[in-house]
């Protein structure tokens, strides 16, 4: 089974209240040095067998037509998700601010939960 990752971000000119809330909380929790936070969406599409160019093209079309709202969002990447034992290949830097924000937040879903989990 292969997987394709689609990352979608709000366009830079669109206000991001969720990102602003996180940005305000970071220094209060001792995380200094971050100047901006943008919230995004990640979709993982799974296919039978290996991912082909046709799968990637279909995923990109789905991202443009269904997974994003083109009025307020940009599709910042559509790529193959590498096997869990292999690290993801680094992407070439994109000129958009949204891509940089997306790349900066990629490890967040793997972070340990904070606080006491009673």
N, C-alpha and C. Protein backbone atom coordinates (compact mmCIF):
# COMPACT_ATOMS: atom_id res chain seq x y z
N UNK A 1 0.84 -1.18 0.00
CA UNK A 1 0.00 0.00 0.00
C UNK A 1 0.88 1.24 0.00
N UNK A 2 0.47 2.21 -0.79
CA UNK A 2 1.19 3.47 -0.84
C UNK A 2 0.31 4.58 -0.32
N UNK A 3 0.93 5.66 0.11
CA UNK A 3 0.18 6.80 0.63
C UNK A 3 0.68 8.09 0.02
N UNK A 4 -0.25 9.00 -0.18
CA UNK A 4 0.04 10.33 -0.71
C UNK A 4 -0.38 11.34 0.35
N UNK A 5 0.48 12.32 0.60
CA UNK A 5 0.18 13.38 1.56
C UNK A 5 -0.15 14.65 0.79
N UNK A 6 -1.26 15.28 1.16
CA UNK A 6 -1.67 16.56 0.59
C UNK A 6 -1.71 17.57 1.73
N UNK A 7 -0.94 18.66 1.59
CA UNK A 7 -0.94 19.74 2.59
C UNK A 7 -1.64 20.95 2.00
N UNK A 8 -2.57 21.51 2.78
CA UNK A 8 -3.35 22.68 2.37
C UNK A 8 -3.18 23.75 3.45
N UNK A 9 -2.95 24.98 3.01
CA UNK A 9 -2.79 26.10 3.95
C UNK A 9 -3.68 27.26 3.52
N UNK A 10 -4.11 28.05 4.50
CA UNK A 10 -4.82 29.28 4.17
C UNK A 10 -3.89 30.19 3.37
N UNK A 11 -4.45 30.92 2.43
CA UNK A 11 -3.65 31.89 1.68
C UNK A 11 -3.11 32.93 2.65
N UNK A 12 -1.93 33.48 2.35
CA UNK A 12 -1.30 34.43 3.29
C UNK A 12 -2.18 35.63 3.64
N UNK A 13 -3.03 36.07 2.72
CA UNK A 13 -3.86 37.25 3.00
C UNK A 13 -5.11 36.94 3.83
N UNK A 14 -5.37 35.67 4.10
CA UNK A 14 -6.53 35.27 4.89
C UNK A 14 -6.15 35.22 6.37
N UNK A 15 -6.96 35.85 7.21
CA UNK A 15 -6.72 35.81 8.65
C UNK A 15 -6.80 34.38 9.16
N UNK A 16 -5.96 34.06 10.13
CA UNK A 16 -5.89 32.71 10.69
C UNK A 16 -6.01 32.79 12.21
N UNK A 17 -7.26 32.87 12.73
CA UNK A 17 -7.42 33.02 14.18
C UNK A 17 -6.86 31.83 14.97
N UNK A 18 -6.95 30.64 14.43
CA UNK A 18 -6.41 29.48 15.15
C UNK A 18 -4.88 29.57 15.23
N UNK A 19 -4.25 29.96 14.14
CA UNK A 19 -2.80 30.16 14.16
C UNK A 19 -2.40 31.27 15.10
N UNK A 20 -3.20 32.36 15.15
CA UNK A 20 -2.91 33.47 16.05
C UNK A 20 -3.02 33.03 17.51
N UNK A 21 -4.00 32.20 17.82
CA UNK A 21 -4.16 31.70 19.20
C UNK A 21 -2.96 30.86 19.60
N UNK A 22 -2.51 30.00 18.72
CA UNK A 22 -1.33 29.18 19.01
C UNK A 22 -0.10 30.07 19.14
N UNK A 23 0.02 31.05 18.24
CA UNK A 23 1.15 31.98 18.30
C UNK A 23 1.20 32.75 19.60
N UNK A 24 0.04 33.11 20.13
CA UNK A 24 0.00 33.81 21.41
C UNK A 24 0.32 32.91 22.59
N UNK A 25 0.00 31.63 22.48
CA UNK A 25 0.24 30.69 23.57
C UNK A 25 1.70 30.24 23.65
N UNK A 26 2.38 30.20 22.53
CA UNK A 26 3.76 29.69 22.53
C UNK A 26 4.67 30.40 23.54
N UNK A 27 4.75 31.73 23.53
CA UNK A 27 5.64 32.37 24.50
C UNK A 27 5.20 32.18 25.95
N UNK A 28 3.89 32.09 26.17
CA UNK A 28 3.40 31.86 27.54
C UNK A 28 3.83 30.50 28.06
N UNK A 29 4.07 29.57 27.15
CA UNK A 29 4.50 28.23 27.54
C UNK A 29 6.02 28.06 27.45
N UNK A 30 6.73 29.15 27.20
CA UNK A 30 8.19 29.12 27.19
C UNK A 30 8.80 28.82 25.83
N UNK A 31 8.01 28.85 24.77
CA UNK A 31 8.54 28.61 23.43
C UNK A 31 8.74 29.96 22.74
N UNK A 32 9.95 30.49 22.81
CA UNK A 32 10.23 31.80 22.26
C UNK A 32 10.90 31.68 20.89
N UNK A 33 10.88 32.77 20.16
CA UNK A 33 11.58 32.81 18.88
C UNK A 33 10.71 32.57 17.66
N UNK A 34 9.45 32.23 17.86
CA UNK A 34 8.54 32.02 16.73
C UNK A 34 7.82 33.34 16.46
N UNK A 35 7.84 33.79 15.20
CA UNK A 35 7.25 35.07 14.88
C UNK A 35 5.85 34.96 14.28
N UNK A 36 5.46 33.78 13.78
CA UNK A 36 4.15 33.63 13.17
C UNK A 36 3.77 32.15 13.18
N UNK A 37 2.49 31.87 13.26
CA UNK A 37 1.98 30.51 13.19
C UNK A 37 0.81 30.51 12.22
N UNK A 38 0.80 29.57 11.30
CA UNK A 38 -0.32 29.40 10.37
C UNK A 38 -0.82 27.96 10.53
N UNK A 39 -2.12 27.82 10.68
CA UNK A 39 -2.76 26.51 10.82
C UNK A 39 -3.04 25.96 9.42
N UNK A 40 -2.84 24.67 9.23
CA UNK A 40 -3.11 24.05 7.93
C UNK A 40 -3.83 22.73 8.08
N UNK A 41 -4.02 22.07 6.94
CA UNK A 41 -4.68 20.77 6.92
C UNK A 41 -3.77 19.79 6.20
N UNK A 42 -3.79 18.55 6.66
CA UNK A 42 -3.04 17.47 6.01
C UNK A 42 -3.99 16.33 5.75
N UNK A 43 -3.95 15.82 4.52
CA UNK A 43 -4.74 14.66 4.13
C UNK A 43 -3.76 13.56 3.74
N UNK A 44 -4.05 12.33 4.14
CA UNK A 44 -3.26 11.18 3.71
C UNK A 44 -4.19 10.27 2.91
N UNK A 45 -3.89 10.10 1.64
CA UNK A 45 -4.69 9.27 0.74
C UNK A 45 -3.93 7.97 0.51
N UNK A 46 -4.57 6.84 0.74
CA UNK A 46 -3.93 5.54 0.60
C UNK A 46 -4.42 4.85 -0.67
N UNK A 47 -3.49 4.20 -1.37
CA UNK A 47 -3.81 3.47 -2.60
C UNK A 47 -3.31 2.04 -2.48
N UNK A 48 -3.92 1.14 -3.26
CA UNK A 48 -3.42 -0.23 -3.32
C UNK A 48 -2.15 -0.23 -4.15
N UNK A 49 -1.13 -0.94 -3.71
CA UNK A 49 0.13 -1.01 -4.45
C UNK A 49 0.95 0.26 -4.29
N UNK A 50 1.90 0.42 -5.20
CA UNK A 50 2.77 1.58 -5.17
C UNK A 50 2.06 2.80 -5.76
N UNK A 51 2.47 3.97 -5.32
CA UNK A 51 1.91 5.21 -5.84
C UNK A 51 2.50 5.45 -7.23
N UNK A 52 1.63 5.70 -8.18
CA UNK A 52 2.05 5.97 -9.56
C UNK A 52 1.88 7.45 -9.88
N UNK A 53 2.39 7.85 -11.02
CA UNK A 53 2.20 9.23 -11.48
C UNK A 53 0.71 9.53 -11.65
N UNK A 54 -0.06 8.53 -12.07
CA UNK A 54 -1.51 8.73 -12.23
C UNK A 54 -2.17 8.98 -10.88
N UNK A 55 -1.74 8.26 -9.83
CA UNK A 55 -2.26 8.49 -8.48
C UNK A 55 -1.95 9.92 -8.03
N UNK A 56 -0.70 10.34 -8.25
CA UNK A 56 -0.31 11.70 -7.84
C UNK A 56 -1.12 12.75 -8.58
N UNK A 57 -1.33 12.55 -9.88
CA UNK A 57 -2.11 13.51 -10.67
C UNK A 57 -3.56 13.56 -10.16
N UNK A 58 -4.14 12.39 -9.87
CA UNK A 58 -5.51 12.35 -9.34
C UNK A 58 -5.58 13.01 -7.97
N UNK A 59 -4.57 12.78 -7.12
CA UNK A 59 -4.55 13.40 -5.79
C UNK A 59 -4.45 14.91 -5.91
N UNK A 60 -3.65 15.39 -6.86
CA UNK A 60 -3.52 16.83 -7.05
C UNK A 60 -4.85 17.43 -7.53
N UNK A 61 -5.52 16.74 -8.44
CA UNK A 61 -6.81 17.22 -8.91
C UNK A 61 -7.84 17.22 -7.78
N UNK A 62 -7.84 16.15 -6.96
CA UNK A 62 -8.76 16.09 -5.82
C UNK A 62 -8.45 17.21 -4.83
N UNK A 63 -7.17 17.50 -4.65
CA UNK A 63 -6.78 18.57 -3.73
C UNK A 63 -7.32 19.92 -4.20
N UNK A 64 -7.24 20.16 -5.50
CA UNK A 64 -7.72 21.43 -6.06
C UNK A 64 -9.24 21.53 -6.04
N UNK A 65 -9.93 20.41 -6.27
CA UNK A 65 -11.39 20.44 -6.41
C UNK A 65 -12.16 20.15 -5.13
N UNK A 66 -11.60 19.34 -4.23
CA UNK A 66 -12.35 18.87 -3.07
C UNK A 66 -11.68 19.16 -1.74
N UNK A 67 -10.39 18.92 -1.65
CA UNK A 67 -9.71 19.00 -0.35
C UNK A 67 -9.39 20.42 0.07
N UNK A 68 -9.44 21.36 -0.86
CA UNK A 68 -9.16 22.75 -0.53
C UNK A 68 -10.27 23.65 -1.04
N UNK A 69 -10.36 24.81 -0.45
CA UNK A 69 -11.27 25.85 -0.94
C UNK A 69 -10.38 26.86 -1.66
N UNK A 70 -10.38 26.85 -3.00
CA UNK A 70 -9.43 27.68 -3.74
C UNK A 70 -9.60 29.18 -3.53
N UNK A 71 -10.71 29.60 -2.96
CA UNK A 71 -10.91 31.02 -2.69
C UNK A 71 -10.02 31.47 -1.53
N UNK A 72 -9.85 30.61 -0.52
CA UNK A 72 -9.10 31.02 0.67
C UNK A 72 -7.89 30.14 0.98
N UNK A 73 -7.71 29.03 0.25
CA UNK A 73 -6.62 28.09 0.57
C UNK A 73 -5.77 27.80 -0.65
N UNK A 74 -4.50 27.44 -0.38
CA UNK A 74 -3.57 26.98 -1.39
C UNK A 74 -3.20 25.53 -1.11
N UNK A 75 -3.08 24.73 -2.16
CA UNK A 75 -2.51 23.39 -2.02
C UNK A 75 -1.00 23.59 -2.08
N UNK A 76 -0.31 23.34 -0.97
CA UNK A 76 1.12 23.64 -0.92
C UNK A 76 2.00 22.44 -1.27
N UNK A 77 1.46 21.22 -1.14
CA UNK A 77 2.24 20.06 -1.57
C UNK A 77 1.36 18.84 -1.75
N UNK A 78 1.74 18.03 -2.72
CA UNK A 78 1.15 16.71 -2.96
C UNK A 78 2.35 15.81 -3.19
N UNK A 79 2.58 14.87 -2.28
CA UNK A 79 3.79 14.04 -2.38
C UNK A 79 3.55 12.64 -1.85
N UNK A 80 4.44 11.74 -2.19
CA UNK A 80 4.36 10.36 -1.72
C UNK A 80 4.86 10.32 -0.28
N UNK A 81 4.11 9.63 0.57
CA UNK A 81 4.54 9.42 1.95
C UNK A 81 5.44 8.21 1.96
N UNK A 82 6.67 8.39 2.37
CA UNK A 82 7.63 7.29 2.38
C UNK A 82 7.27 6.28 3.46
N UNK A 83 7.80 5.09 3.35
CA UNK A 83 7.56 4.02 4.33
C UNK A 83 7.96 4.51 5.72
N UNK A 84 7.29 4.03 6.79
CA UNK A 84 7.57 4.50 8.15
C UNK A 84 9.02 4.34 8.57
N UNK A 85 9.73 3.31 8.08
CA UNK A 85 11.11 3.10 8.49
C UNK A 85 12.08 4.01 7.74
N UNK A 86 11.61 4.67 6.67
CA UNK A 86 12.46 5.58 5.91
C UNK A 86 12.01 7.01 6.17
N UNK A 87 12.95 7.93 6.40
CA UNK A 87 12.54 9.33 6.62
C UNK A 87 11.97 9.93 5.34
N UNK A 88 11.03 10.88 5.51
CA UNK A 88 10.47 11.57 4.35
C UNK A 88 11.57 12.35 3.66
N UNK A 89 11.56 12.32 2.34
CA UNK A 89 12.52 13.09 1.57
C UNK A 89 12.23 14.58 1.76
N UNK A 90 13.26 15.39 1.99
CA UNK A 90 13.01 16.82 2.16
C UNK A 90 12.49 17.42 0.86
N UNK A 91 11.57 18.35 1.01
CA UNK A 91 11.01 19.03 -0.15
C UNK A 91 11.88 20.21 -0.51
N UNK A 92 11.85 20.58 -1.78
CA UNK A 92 12.51 21.82 -2.19
C UNK A 92 11.73 22.98 -1.59
N UNK A 93 12.42 24.00 -1.10
CA UNK A 93 11.70 25.13 -0.50
C UNK A 93 10.76 25.77 -1.52
N UNK A 94 9.58 26.11 -1.05
CA UNK A 94 8.59 26.77 -1.89
C UNK A 94 8.65 28.25 -1.61
N UNK A 95 8.32 29.06 -2.58
CA UNK A 95 8.37 30.51 -2.41
C UNK A 95 7.27 31.03 -1.51
N UNK A 96 6.21 30.25 -1.30
CA UNK A 96 5.08 30.75 -0.50
C UNK A 96 5.36 30.65 0.98
N UNK A 97 4.85 31.63 1.74
CA UNK A 97 4.97 31.61 3.20
C UNK A 97 4.26 30.41 3.78
N UNK A 98 3.17 29.98 3.14
CA UNK A 98 2.38 28.87 3.66
C UNK A 98 3.19 27.59 3.72
N UNK A 99 4.04 27.37 2.72
CA UNK A 99 4.85 26.16 2.69
C UNK A 99 5.83 26.15 3.85
N UNK A 100 6.45 27.29 4.12
CA UNK A 100 7.40 27.36 5.23
C UNK A 100 6.70 27.08 6.55
N UNK A 101 5.49 27.61 6.73
CA UNK A 101 4.74 27.37 7.96
C UNK A 101 4.36 25.91 8.06
N UNK A 102 4.01 25.30 6.95
CA UNK A 102 3.64 23.90 6.94
C UNK A 102 4.82 23.03 7.33
N UNK A 103 6.00 23.32 6.73
CA UNK A 103 7.19 22.53 7.02
C UNK A 103 7.59 22.68 8.48
N UNK A 104 7.42 23.86 9.05
CA UNK A 104 7.82 24.09 10.43
C UNK A 104 6.96 23.32 11.40
N UNK A 105 5.74 22.97 11.03
CA UNK A 105 4.84 22.31 11.97
C UNK A 105 4.68 20.83 11.71
N UNK A 106 5.48 20.25 10.83
CA UNK A 106 5.26 18.86 10.44
C UNK A 106 5.41 17.86 11.57
N UNK A 107 6.32 18.06 12.50
CA UNK A 107 6.51 17.06 13.54
C UNK A 107 5.52 17.15 14.68
N UNK A 108 4.64 18.14 14.67
CA UNK A 108 3.75 18.38 15.81
C UNK A 108 2.86 17.21 16.14
N UNK A 109 2.37 16.46 15.14
CA UNK A 109 1.44 15.38 15.42
C UNK A 109 2.13 14.19 16.08
N UNK A 110 3.46 14.18 16.14
CA UNK A 110 4.18 13.09 16.77
C UNK A 110 4.67 13.46 18.16
N UNK A 111 4.41 14.68 18.59
CA UNK A 111 4.91 15.16 19.89
C UNK A 111 4.22 14.44 21.03
N UNK A 112 4.93 14.30 22.12
CA UNK A 112 4.37 13.70 23.33
C UNK A 112 3.32 14.63 23.90
N UNK A 113 2.22 14.10 24.44
CA UNK A 113 1.22 14.98 25.06
C UNK A 113 1.80 15.66 26.29
N UNK A 114 1.42 16.90 26.50
CA UNK A 114 1.90 17.66 27.65
C UNK A 114 0.95 17.48 28.83
N UNK A 115 1.50 17.54 30.01
CA UNK A 115 0.66 17.51 31.21
C UNK A 115 0.41 16.10 31.72
N UNK A 116 -0.37 16.04 32.78
CA UNK A 116 -0.68 14.78 33.44
C UNK A 116 -1.89 14.14 32.76
N UNK A 117 -1.76 12.92 32.29
CA UNK A 117 -2.84 12.23 31.57
C UNK A 117 -3.54 11.26 32.52
N UNK A 118 -4.28 11.78 33.47
CA UNK A 118 -4.99 10.91 34.44
C UNK A 118 -6.32 10.52 33.92
